[in-house]
Amino acid sequence: YMSSGAVYGYNPKKIKISENHKILLKNIKKLSKAKMFYALNKLNSEKLFLSLNNKKHNVMIVRGFTFMGIHLPLNQNYAIGNFLNEAIKKKPLIIKSKNSETVYRSYMSSDNLINSIMTMIIDKRNIKNPIFNIGSDHVITISKLAKKIANIFHVKISKPVKKKIIIDFYVPNIKKFKKYFNLDFKNTLDESIRQFIS
């Protein structure tokens, strides 16, 4: 079942989120209304699938974080998609967030996402706690992401004059996944971005 890292809720502590991270309703309620309902529905769905996990039904739950790649739509892929969409057109990158220097994300390539899911599908082991984070654990701020893309595509950046310091840390701890499936992906953010040039 493809769940979401949104189930962990608001995380201002700059700690990579692991599967045993305590999920608190108060942290979920700090998300925007749409994200809050999304996270709550994902949690309810997880509970339903976990209730089916037994010798007859081998359930695995993936809490996905943030992804990028040529297989994903550029106009619906949050900051990285918007930046790439503008950069390809040689337009300035527009940073809308007033706290882009304290918004932390990580990006797994869509190819690595597909490899991860296929590895899980063919795995026949039945595990008691079948919840796994999937994503990259290489951290980057939205501000540094914009600079990286701007430098590669030789475009300018436009950002708000006023700033806010609100920490938004949405990065997974993926040690459990790497150990259980014996998989380790390199940080391919630069490589994934450069695919858009060709």
N, C-alpha and C. Protein backbone atom coordinates (compact mmCIF):
# COMPACT_ATOMS: atom_id res chain seq x y z
N TYR A 1 0.84 -1.19 0.00
CA TYR A 1 0.00 0.00 0.00
C TYR A 1 0.88 1.24 0.00
N MET A 2 0.62 2.15 -0.91
CA MET A 2 1.41 3.38 -1.03
C MET A 2 0.81 4.44 -0.12
N SER A 3 1.45 4.65 1.03
CA SER A 3 1.01 5.65 1.97
C SER A 3 1.83 6.93 1.76
N SER A 4 2.00 7.72 2.79
CA SER A 4 2.69 9.00 2.63
C SER A 4 3.42 9.39 3.90
N GLY A 5 4.53 10.10 3.72
CA GLY A 5 5.25 10.66 4.86
C GLY A 5 4.45 11.73 5.57
N ALA A 6 3.37 12.19 4.95
CA ALA A 6 2.50 13.20 5.58
C ALA A 6 1.90 12.70 6.87
N VAL A 7 1.82 11.38 7.05
CA VAL A 7 1.22 10.82 8.28
C VAL A 7 2.00 11.21 9.53
N TYR A 8 3.27 11.59 9.38
CA TYR A 8 4.07 11.99 10.54
C TYR A 8 3.72 13.40 11.01
N GLY A 9 3.11 14.18 10.13
CA GLY A 9 2.71 15.53 10.51
C GLY A 9 3.86 16.52 10.53
N TYR A 10 3.61 17.64 11.17
CA TYR A 10 4.57 18.74 11.25
C TYR A 10 5.82 18.30 12.01
N ASN A 11 6.99 18.57 11.43
CA ASN A 11 8.25 18.12 12.02
C ASN A 11 9.28 19.24 11.98
N PRO A 12 9.33 20.09 13.01
CA PRO A 12 10.25 21.23 13.01
C PRO A 12 11.62 20.94 13.62
N LYS A 13 11.88 19.70 14.04
CA LYS A 13 13.10 19.41 14.81
C LYS A 13 14.32 19.09 13.96
N LYS A 14 14.17 19.09 12.64
CA LYS A 14 15.29 18.79 11.73
C LYS A 14 15.88 17.41 12.00
N ILE A 15 15.04 16.46 12.36
CA ILE A 15 15.45 15.07 12.58
C ILE A 15 14.83 14.22 11.47
N LYS A 16 15.65 13.41 10.82
CA LYS A 16 15.11 12.53 9.77
C LYS A 16 14.08 11.58 10.39
N ILE A 17 12.93 11.51 9.77
CA ILE A 17 11.79 10.80 10.36
C ILE A 17 11.91 9.29 10.11
N SER A 18 11.88 8.51 11.18
CA SER A 18 11.94 7.05 11.05
C SER A 18 10.55 6.45 11.27
N GLU A 19 10.41 5.19 10.90
CA GLU A 19 9.11 4.51 10.99
C GLU A 19 8.60 4.39 12.42
N ASN A 20 9.49 4.42 13.41
CA ASN A 20 9.04 4.32 14.81
C ASN A 20 8.81 5.70 15.43
N HIS A 21 8.86 6.73 14.58
CA HIS A 21 8.55 8.10 15.01
C HIS A 21 7.11 8.13 15.53
N LYS A 22 6.91 8.69 16.71
CA LYS A 22 5.57 8.71 17.29
C LYS A 22 4.66 9.63 16.48
N ILE A 23 3.57 9.09 16.00
CA ILE A 23 2.63 9.88 15.21
C ILE A 23 1.64 10.54 16.15
N LEU A 24 1.65 11.87 16.17
CA LEU A 24 0.80 12.63 17.08
C LEU A 24 -0.25 13.41 16.29
N LEU A 25 -1.50 13.30 16.74
CA LEU A 25 -2.59 13.99 16.07
C LEU A 25 -2.37 15.51 16.05
N LYS A 26 -1.77 16.05 17.12
CA LYS A 26 -1.54 17.50 17.20
C LYS A 26 -0.57 17.96 16.12
N ASN A 27 0.39 17.10 15.74
CA ASN A 27 1.33 17.45 14.68
C ASN A 27 0.68 17.37 13.30
N ILE A 28 -0.24 16.42 13.14
CA ILE A 28 -0.97 16.32 11.87
C ILE A 28 -1.90 17.52 11.70
N LYS A 29 -2.50 17.96 12.80
CA LYS A 29 -3.43 19.09 12.74
C LYS A 29 -2.74 20.41 12.41
N LYS A 30 -1.43 20.46 12.52
CA LYS A 30 -0.68 21.66 12.18
C LYS A 30 -0.44 21.78 10.67
N LEU A 31 -0.75 20.72 9.93
CA LEU A 31 -0.63 20.76 8.47
C LEU A 31 -1.78 21.59 7.90
N SER A 32 -1.67 21.96 6.63
CA SER A 32 -2.78 22.65 5.99
C SER A 32 -4.00 21.73 6.02
N LYS A 33 -5.19 22.29 5.85
CA LYS A 33 -6.41 21.50 5.98
C LYS A 33 -6.42 20.31 5.01
N ALA A 34 -6.05 20.57 3.77
CA ALA A 34 -6.05 19.50 2.76
C ALA A 34 -5.05 18.41 3.12
N LYS A 35 -3.83 18.81 3.54
CA LYS A 35 -2.80 17.82 3.91
C LYS A 35 -3.20 17.07 5.17
N MET A 36 -3.88 17.75 6.08
CA MET A 36 -4.31 17.11 7.32
C MET A 36 -5.29 15.96 7.02
N PHE A 37 -6.30 16.24 6.20
CA PHE A 37 -7.28 15.20 5.85
C PHE A 37 -6.61 14.07 5.06
N TYR A 38 -5.68 14.46 4.19
CA TYR A 38 -4.93 13.47 3.40
C TYR A 38 -4.17 12.53 4.34
N ALA A 39 -3.45 13.10 5.32
CA ALA A 39 -2.66 12.31 6.26
C ALA A 39 -3.55 11.41 7.11
N LEU A 40 -4.67 11.94 7.58
CA LEU A 40 -5.59 11.14 8.41
C LEU A 40 -6.18 9.98 7.63
N ASN A 41 -6.53 10.21 6.37
CA ASN A 41 -7.07 9.13 5.54
C ASN A 41 -6.01 8.08 5.23
N LYS A 42 -4.78 8.52 5.05
CA LYS A 42 -3.69 7.56 4.82
C LYS A 42 -3.48 6.69 6.07
N LEU A 43 -3.54 7.30 7.24
CA LEU A 43 -3.38 6.55 8.49
C LEU A 43 -4.49 5.52 8.66
N ASN A 44 -5.72 5.92 8.39
CA ASN A 44 -6.85 4.99 8.49
C ASN A 44 -6.70 3.84 7.51
N SER A 45 -6.22 4.14 6.31
CA SER A 45 -6.00 3.09 5.31
C SER A 45 -4.91 2.14 5.76
N GLU A 46 -3.85 2.69 6.33
CA GLU A 46 -2.76 1.86 6.85
C GLU A 46 -3.28 0.86 7.89
N LYS A 47 -4.11 1.35 8.80
CA LYS A 47 -4.67 0.49 9.86
C LYS A 47 -5.47 -0.65 9.26
N LEU A 48 -6.23 -0.34 8.23
CA LEU A 48 -7.04 -1.38 7.57
C LEU A 48 -6.14 -2.44 6.95
N PHE A 49 -5.11 -2.01 6.25
CA PHE A 49 -4.21 -2.99 5.62
C PHE A 49 -3.41 -3.78 6.65
N LEU A 50 -2.99 -3.12 7.72
CA LEU A 50 -2.25 -3.83 8.76
C LEU A 50 -3.10 -4.90 9.43
N SER A 51 -4.41 -4.67 9.49
CA SER A 51 -5.31 -5.67 10.09
C SER A 51 -5.39 -6.93 9.23
N LEU A 52 -4.99 -6.81 7.96
CA LEU A 52 -5.01 -7.96 7.05
C LEU A 52 -3.67 -8.69 6.99
N ASN A 53 -2.66 -8.14 7.65
CA ASN A 53 -1.32 -8.72 7.55
C ASN A 53 -1.20 -10.00 8.37
N ASN A 54 -1.18 -11.13 7.71
CA ASN A 54 -1.06 -12.42 8.37
C ASN A 54 -0.44 -13.42 7.40
N LYS A 55 -0.50 -14.70 7.73
CA LYS A 55 0.10 -15.72 6.86
C LYS A 55 -0.57 -15.79 5.49
N LYS A 56 -1.84 -15.41 5.45
CA LYS A 56 -2.58 -15.47 4.20
C LYS A 56 -2.33 -14.22 3.34
N HIS A 57 -2.25 -13.07 4.00
CA HIS A 57 -2.04 -11.80 3.29
C HIS A 57 -0.71 -11.18 3.71
N ASN A 58 0.19 -11.04 2.74
CA ASN A 58 1.49 -10.44 3.02
C ASN A 58 1.44 -8.96 2.65
N VAL A 59 1.26 -8.11 3.63
CA VAL A 59 1.08 -6.68 3.41
C VAL A 59 2.39 -5.93 3.63
N MET A 60 2.67 -4.98 2.75
CA MET A 60 3.78 -4.04 2.97
C MET A 60 3.27 -2.64 2.70
N ILE A 61 3.67 -1.71 3.56
CA ILE A 61 3.22 -0.33 3.44
C ILE A 61 4.43 0.57 3.17
N VAL A 62 4.31 1.40 2.15
CA VAL A 62 5.36 2.33 1.77
C VAL A 62 4.92 3.74 2.15
N ARG A 63 5.70 4.38 2.98
CA ARG A 63 5.46 5.80 3.25
C ARG A 63 6.41 6.59 2.36
N GLY A 64 5.87 7.09 1.27
CA GLY A 64 6.68 7.80 0.28
C GLY A 64 6.85 9.26 0.66
N PHE A 65 8.00 9.82 0.32
CA PHE A 65 8.28 11.22 0.63
C PHE A 65 8.26 12.06 -0.66
N THR A 66 9.38 12.57 -1.11
CA THR A 66 9.36 13.45 -2.28
C THR A 66 10.21 12.85 -3.39
N PHE A 67 9.68 12.93 -4.61
CA PHE A 67 10.33 12.28 -5.75
C PHE A 67 10.47 13.26 -6.92
N MET A 68 11.37 12.93 -7.81
CA MET A 68 11.55 13.74 -9.01
C MET A 68 12.03 12.85 -10.14
N GLY A 69 11.84 13.32 -11.37
CA GLY A 69 12.33 12.56 -12.51
C GLY A 69 11.54 12.87 -13.76
N ILE A 70 12.04 12.40 -14.87
CA ILE A 70 11.43 12.71 -16.16
C ILE A 70 10.07 12.03 -16.32
N HIS A 71 9.74 11.09 -15.44
CA HIS A 71 8.46 10.41 -15.54
C HIS A 71 7.34 11.15 -14.80
N LEU A 72 7.69 12.22 -14.07
CA LEU A 72 6.70 12.94 -13.28
C LEU A 72 6.31 14.24 -13.96
N PRO A 73 5.03 14.65 -13.84
CA PRO A 73 4.60 15.90 -14.49
C PRO A 73 5.28 17.12 -13.86
N LEU A 74 5.74 18.01 -14.72
CA LEU A 74 6.49 19.16 -14.23
C LEU A 74 5.60 20.24 -13.62
N ASN A 75 4.34 20.28 -14.02
CA ASN A 75 3.47 21.34 -13.51
C ASN A 75 2.69 20.91 -12.28
N GLN A 76 2.95 19.71 -11.76
CA GLN A 76 2.22 19.23 -10.58
C GLN A 76 3.16 18.58 -9.57
N ASN A 77 4.40 18.97 -9.58
CA ASN A 77 5.39 18.28 -8.76
C ASN A 77 6.06 19.23 -7.76
N TYR A 78 5.25 20.10 -7.17
CA TYR A 78 5.72 20.99 -6.12
C TYR A 78 6.91 21.85 -6.58
N ALA A 79 7.75 22.27 -5.66
CA ALA A 79 8.81 23.23 -5.98
C ALA A 79 9.74 22.74 -7.08
N ILE A 80 10.19 21.51 -6.96
CA ILE A 80 11.19 21.03 -7.93
C ILE A 80 10.61 20.98 -9.34
N GLY A 81 9.36 20.56 -9.47
CA GLY A 81 8.71 20.52 -10.78
C GLY A 81 8.52 21.91 -11.35
N ASN A 82 8.07 22.84 -10.48
CA ASN A 82 7.88 24.22 -10.92
C ASN A 82 9.19 24.85 -11.36
N PHE A 83 10.26 24.62 -10.58
CA PHE A 83 11.56 25.18 -10.93
C PHE A 83 12.05 24.65 -12.28
N LEU A 84 11.96 23.33 -12.45
CA LEU A 84 12.42 22.72 -13.70
C LEU A 84 11.58 23.17 -14.88
N ASN A 85 10.28 23.30 -14.67
CA ASN A 85 9.38 23.75 -15.73
C ASN A 85 9.78 25.13 -16.24
N GLU A 86 10.12 26.02 -15.30
CA GLU A 86 10.54 27.38 -15.67
C GLU A 86 11.94 27.37 -16.27
N ALA A 87 12.83 26.58 -15.68
CA ALA A 87 14.23 26.55 -16.14
C ALA A 87 14.34 26.06 -17.59
N ILE A 88 13.58 25.04 -17.92
CA ILE A 88 13.59 24.49 -19.28
C ILE A 88 13.16 25.55 -20.29
N LYS A 89 12.24 26.40 -19.87
CA LYS A 89 11.75 27.49 -20.74
C LYS A 89 12.65 28.72 -20.68
N LYS A 90 13.75 28.60 -19.91
CA LYS A 90 14.71 29.69 -19.73
C LYS A 90 14.07 30.90 -19.06
N LYS A 91 13.13 30.65 -18.17
CA LYS A 91 12.50 31.72 -17.40
C LYS A 91 13.11 31.76 -16.00
N PRO A 92 13.04 32.92 -15.33
CA PRO A 92 13.55 32.99 -13.95
C PRO A 92 12.77 32.04 -13.04
N LEU A 93 13.46 31.47 -12.07
CA LEU A 93 12.81 30.61 -11.10
C LEU A 93 12.15 31.49 -10.04
N ILE A 94 10.89 31.25 -9.78
CA ILE A 94 10.16 32.07 -8.81
C ILE A 94 10.00 31.27 -7.52
N ILE A 95 10.67 31.73 -6.46
CA ILE A 95 10.51 31.12 -5.14
C ILE A 95 9.37 31.84 -4.44
N LYS A 96 8.29 31.13 -4.21
CA LYS A 96 7.10 31.73 -3.59
C LYS A 96 7.17 31.70 -2.07
N SER A 97 7.84 30.71 -1.54
CA SER A 97 7.92 30.55 -0.08
C SER A 97 8.77 31.63 0.56
N LYS A 98 8.27 32.18 1.67
CA LYS A 98 9.03 33.17 2.43
C LYS A 98 10.01 32.52 3.40
N ASN A 99 9.92 31.21 3.53
CA ASN A 99 10.85 30.51 4.42
C ASN A 99 11.62 29.42 3.65
N SER A 100 12.00 29.74 2.43
CA SER A 100 12.67 28.76 1.56
C SER A 100 14.02 28.30 2.10
N GLU A 101 14.61 29.10 2.98
CA GLU A 101 15.92 28.72 3.55
C GLU A 101 15.76 27.78 4.74
N THR A 102 14.53 27.60 5.21
CA THR A 102 14.29 26.67 6.33
C THR A 102 13.24 25.61 5.98
N VAL A 103 12.96 25.46 4.68
CA VAL A 103 12.13 24.35 4.20
C VAL A 103 13.09 23.30 3.66
N TYR A 104 13.11 22.14 4.30
CA TYR A 104 14.05 21.07 3.95
C TYR A 104 13.32 19.91 3.28
N ARG A 105 13.86 19.47 2.16
CA ARG A 105 13.30 18.36 1.42
C ARG A 105 14.42 17.43 0.97
N SER A 106 14.03 16.28 0.41
CA SER A 106 14.98 15.37 -0.22
C SER A 106 14.26 14.80 -1.43
N TYR A 107 15.01 14.38 -2.43
CA TYR A 107 14.37 13.94 -3.68
C TYR A 107 14.97 12.62 -4.16
N MET A 108 14.13 11.60 -4.18
CA MET A 108 14.55 10.33 -4.78
C MET A 108 14.10 10.34 -6.24
N SER A 109 14.94 9.81 -7.12
CA SER A 109 14.57 9.76 -8.53
C SER A 109 13.42 8.77 -8.72
N SER A 110 12.58 9.04 -9.71
CA SER A 110 11.44 8.16 -9.98
C SER A 110 11.91 6.77 -10.38
N ASP A 111 13.09 6.68 -11.00
CA ASP A 111 13.65 5.35 -11.35
C ASP A 111 13.94 4.55 -10.09
N ASN A 112 14.54 5.19 -9.09
CA ASN A 112 14.83 4.50 -7.84
C ASN A 112 13.56 4.16 -7.08
N LEU A 113 12.55 5.01 -7.20
CA LEU A 113 11.26 4.71 -6.58
C LEU A 113 10.68 3.43 -7.17
N ILE A 114 10.68 3.33 -8.48
CA ILE A 114 10.14 2.14 -9.16
C ILE A 114 10.94 0.90 -8.78
N ASN A 115 12.27 1.00 -8.75
CA ASN A 115 13.12 -0.13 -8.34
C ASN A 115 12.81 -0.57 -6.91
N SER A 116 12.58 0.40 -6.04
CA SER A 116 12.26 0.10 -4.64
C SER A 116 10.96 -0.68 -4.54
N ILE A 117 9.94 -0.17 -5.21
CA ILE A 117 8.61 -0.81 -5.14
C ILE A 117 8.65 -2.22 -5.74
N MET A 118 9.32 -2.38 -6.86
CA MET A 118 9.40 -3.70 -7.49
C MET A 118 10.15 -4.68 -6.61
N THR A 119 11.20 -4.21 -5.92
CA THR A 119 11.94 -5.06 -4.98
C THR A 119 11.02 -5.53 -3.86
N MET A 120 10.17 -4.64 -3.37
CA MET A 120 9.24 -5.00 -2.30
C MET A 120 8.18 -5.99 -2.78
N ILE A 121 7.70 -5.79 -4.00
CA ILE A 121 6.64 -6.65 -4.54
C ILE A 121 7.10 -8.10 -4.66
N ILE A 122 8.34 -8.29 -5.10
CA ILE A 122 8.82 -9.67 -5.32
C ILE A 122 9.34 -10.32 -4.04
N ASP A 123 9.44 -9.55 -2.96
CA ASP A 123 9.92 -10.10 -1.69
C ASP A 123 8.82 -10.97 -1.06
N LYS A 124 9.13 -12.18 -0.68
CA LYS A 124 8.14 -13.13 -0.18
C LYS A 124 8.09 -13.21 1.35
N ARG A 125 8.97 -12.50 2.02
CA ARG A 125 8.99 -12.57 3.48
C ARG A 125 7.77 -11.89 4.09
N ASN A 126 7.30 -12.45 5.18
CA ASN A 126 6.19 -11.83 5.91
C ASN A 126 6.77 -11.17 7.15
N ILE A 127 6.59 -9.89 7.29
CA ILE A 127 7.22 -9.14 8.37
C ILE A 127 6.15 -8.61 9.33
N LYS A 128 6.48 -8.61 10.61
CA LYS A 128 5.51 -8.16 11.63
C LYS A 128 5.21 -6.67 11.51
N ASN A 129 6.24 -5.86 11.26
CA ASN A 129 6.06 -4.41 11.15
C ASN A 129 6.41 -3.97 9.73
N PRO A 130 5.45 -4.14 8.80
CA PRO A 130 5.76 -3.98 7.37
C PRO A 130 5.67 -2.54 6.84
N ILE A 131 6.03 -1.56 7.66
CA ILE A 131 5.98 -0.17 7.23
C ILE A 131 7.39 0.31 6.93
N PHE A 132 7.58 0.86 5.72
CA PHE A 132 8.90 1.32 5.29
C PHE A 132 8.81 2.73 4.70
N ASN A 133 9.75 3.57 5.10
CA ASN A 133 9.91 4.87 4.44
C ASN A 133 10.66 4.65 3.14
N ILE A 134 10.21 5.35 2.08
CA ILE A 134 10.95 5.34 0.82
C ILE A 134 11.16 6.78 0.39
N GLY A 135 12.38 7.09 0.03
CA GLY A 135 12.74 8.43 -0.42
C GLY A 135 14.24 8.57 -0.30
N SER A 136 14.72 9.76 -0.53
CA SER A 136 16.15 10.04 -0.36
C SER A 136 16.36 10.63 1.03
N ASP A 137 17.51 10.34 1.62
CA ASP A 137 17.83 10.94 2.92
C ASP A 137 18.88 12.04 2.78
N HIS A 138 19.11 12.50 1.54
CA HIS A 138 20.06 13.60 1.28
C HIS A 138 19.29 14.92 1.32
N VAL A 139 19.58 15.73 2.31
CA VAL A 139 18.79 16.94 2.60
C VAL A 139 19.22 18.13 1.75
N ILE A 140 18.22 18.91 1.31
CA ILE A 140 18.49 20.18 0.61
C ILE A 140 17.36 21.15 0.92
N THR A 141 17.70 22.42 1.09
CA THR A 141 16.65 23.43 1.30
C THR A 141 16.07 23.83 -0.05
N ILE A 142 14.88 24.40 -0.03
CA ILE A 142 14.25 24.86 -1.27
C ILE A 142 15.11 25.96 -1.90
N SER A 143 15.70 26.81 -1.08
CA SER A 143 16.56 27.88 -1.57
C SER A 143 17.78 27.31 -2.31
N LYS A 144 18.44 26.31 -1.72
CA LYS A 144 19.62 25.71 -2.36
C LYS A 144 19.23 24.91 -3.60
N LEU A 145 18.05 24.31 -3.58
CA LEU A 145 17.55 23.58 -4.75
C LEU A 145 17.39 24.55 -5.92
N ALA A 146 16.78 25.70 -5.66
CA ALA A 146 16.59 26.71 -6.70
C ALA A 146 17.94 27.16 -7.27
N LYS A 147 18.92 27.40 -6.39
CA LYS A 147 20.25 27.83 -6.83
C LYS A 147 20.91 26.76 -7.71
N LYS A 148 20.76 25.50 -7.29
CA LYS A 148 21.34 24.38 -8.04
C LYS A 148 20.77 24.34 -9.46
N ILE A 149 19.44 24.42 -9.57
CA ILE A 149 18.79 24.35 -10.88
C ILE A 149 19.11 25.60 -11.71
N ALA A 150 19.12 26.77 -11.05
CA ALA A 150 19.45 28.01 -11.75
C ALA A 150 20.86 27.97 -12.33
N ASN A 151 21.81 27.41 -11.59
CA ASN A 151 23.20 27.31 -12.07
C ASN A 151 23.32 26.36 -13.25
N ILE A 152 22.60 25.25 -13.20
CA ILE A 152 22.67 24.26 -14.29
C ILE A 152 22.08 24.82 -15.58
N PHE A 153 20.94 25.52 -15.45
CA PHE A 153 20.23 26.01 -16.63
C PHE A 153 20.56 27.48 -16.97
N HIS A 154 21.39 28.11 -16.14
CA HIS A 154 21.82 29.50 -16.38
C HIS A 154 20.62 30.45 -16.44
N VAL A 155 19.82 30.41 -15.39
CA VAL A 155 18.68 31.32 -15.27
C VAL A 155 18.76 32.05 -13.93
N LYS A 156 17.96 33.10 -13.79
CA LYS A 156 17.96 33.89 -12.56
C LYS A 156 16.90 33.38 -11.59
N ILE A 157 16.98 33.87 -10.36
CA ILE A 157 16.03 33.49 -9.32
C ILE A 157 15.31 34.74 -8.81
N SER A 158 14.00 34.62 -8.66
CA SER A 158 13.21 35.69 -8.06
C SER A 158 12.64 35.15 -6.75
N LYS A 159 12.87 35.88 -5.65
CA LYS A 159 12.38 35.41 -4.35
C LYS A 159 11.75 36.56 -3.58
N PRO A 160 10.88 36.25 -2.61
CA PRO A 160 10.23 37.30 -1.83
C PRO A 160 11.24 38.12 -1.04
N VAL A 161 10.97 39.40 -0.88
CA VAL A 161 11.85 40.28 -0.10
C VAL A 161 11.76 39.94 1.38
N LYS A 162 10.54 39.76 1.86
CA LYS A 162 10.34 39.42 3.26
C LYS A 162 10.62 37.95 3.50
N LYS A 163 11.19 37.65 4.66
CA LYS A 163 11.53 36.27 5.01
C LYS A 163 10.80 35.84 6.28
N LYS A 164 10.62 34.53 6.40
CA LYS A 164 10.10 33.94 7.63
C LYS A 164 11.02 32.81 8.04
N ILE A 165 11.13 32.57 9.33
CA ILE A 165 11.92 31.44 9.80
C ILE A 165 10.96 30.43 10.42
N ILE A 166 10.43 29.58 9.56
CA ILE A 166 9.55 28.49 9.99
C ILE A 166 10.18 27.20 9.49
N ILE A 167 10.64 26.36 10.38
CA ILE A 167 11.32 25.13 9.98
C ILE A 167 10.30 24.09 9.52
N ASP A 168 10.52 23.60 8.32
CA ASP A 168 9.65 22.58 7.72
C ASP A 168 10.56 21.47 7.21
N PHE A 169 10.77 20.45 8.03
CA PHE A 169 11.74 19.39 7.72
C PHE A 169 10.99 18.11 7.34
N TYR A 170 11.02 17.78 6.06
CA TYR A 170 10.28 16.63 5.54
C TYR A 170 11.26 15.70 4.82
N VAL A 171 12.04 14.98 5.63
CA VAL A 171 13.10 14.11 5.11
C VAL A 171 13.05 12.78 5.86
N PRO A 172 13.05 11.65 5.14
CA PRO A 172 12.93 10.36 5.82
C PRO A 172 14.25 9.78 6.29
N ASN A 173 14.17 8.99 7.35
CA ASN A 173 15.24 8.08 7.72
C ASN A 173 14.91 6.77 7.00
N ILE A 174 15.81 6.29 6.14
CA ILE A 174 15.51 5.11 5.33
C ILE A 174 16.41 3.92 5.68
N LYS A 175 16.98 3.94 6.88
CA LYS A 175 17.86 2.84 7.30
C LYS A 175 17.15 1.50 7.30
N LYS A 176 15.91 1.48 7.78
CA LYS A 176 15.16 0.22 7.86
C LYS A 176 14.98 -0.39 6.47
N PHE A 177 14.60 0.45 5.51
CA PHE A 177 14.40 -0.03 4.13
C PHE A 177 15.69 -0.57 3.54
N LYS A 178 16.79 0.20 3.68
CA LYS A 178 18.07 -0.20 3.09
C LYS A 178 18.57 -1.51 3.69
N LYS A 179 18.40 -1.66 5.00
CA LYS A 179 18.89 -2.87 5.67
C LYS A 179 18.05 -4.09 5.31
N TYR A 180 16.72 -3.93 5.32
CA TYR A 180 15.83 -5.08 5.10
C TYR A 180 15.92 -5.59 3.66
N PHE A 181 16.01 -4.66 2.70
CA PHE A 181 16.02 -5.07 1.29
C PHE A 181 17.43 -5.05 0.68
N ASN A 182 18.43 -4.71 1.50
CA ASN A 182 19.81 -4.68 1.04
C ASN A 182 19.96 -3.79 -0.21
N LEU A 183 19.35 -2.62 -0.14
CA LEU A 183 19.41 -1.67 -1.25
C LEU A 183 19.96 -0.35 -0.73
N ASP A 184 20.77 0.28 -1.54
CA ASP A 184 21.27 1.61 -1.18
C ASP A 184 21.39 2.42 -2.46
N PHE A 185 20.73 3.56 -2.50
CA PHE A 185 20.77 4.39 -3.68
C PHE A 185 21.66 5.60 -3.44
N LYS A 186 22.47 5.92 -4.42
CA LYS A 186 23.31 7.12 -4.33
C LYS A 186 22.43 8.36 -4.48
N ASN A 187 22.96 9.48 -4.05
CA ASN A 187 22.25 10.74 -4.23
C ASN A 187 22.31 11.13 -5.70
N THR A 188 21.23 10.95 -6.41
CA THR A 188 21.24 11.18 -7.85
C THR A 188 20.48 12.46 -8.22
N LEU A 189 20.38 13.41 -7.30
CA LEU A 189 19.64 14.64 -7.58
C LEU A 189 20.24 15.39 -8.77
N ASP A 190 21.55 15.59 -8.77
CA ASP A 190 22.19 16.30 -9.89
C ASP A 190 21.97 15.57 -11.20
N GLU A 191 22.15 14.25 -11.15
CA GLU A 191 21.96 13.43 -12.36
C GLU A 191 20.53 13.53 -12.86
N SER A 192 19.56 13.47 -11.94
CA SER A 192 18.15 13.54 -12.32
C SER A 192 17.81 14.90 -12.93
N ILE A 193 18.37 15.96 -12.37
CA ILE A 193 18.12 17.31 -12.90
C ILE A 193 18.71 17.43 -14.30
N ARG A 194 19.91 16.88 -14.50
CA ARG A 194 20.58 17.01 -15.79
C ARG A 194 19.85 16.24 -16.90
N GLN A 195 19.05 15.25 -16.54
CA GLN A 195 18.27 14.51 -17.54
C GLN A 195 17.32 15.44 -18.30
N PHE A 196 16.93 16.53 -17.67
CA PHE A 196 15.99 17.44 -18.31
C PHE A 196 16.65 18.30 -19.38
N ILE A 197 17.98 18.35 -19.39
CA ILE A 197 18.69 19.15 -20.40
C ILE A 197 18.70 18.42 -21.73
N SER A 198 18.86 17.10 -21.69
CA SER A 198 18.96 16.32 -22.93
C SER A 198 17.61 16.07 -23.57
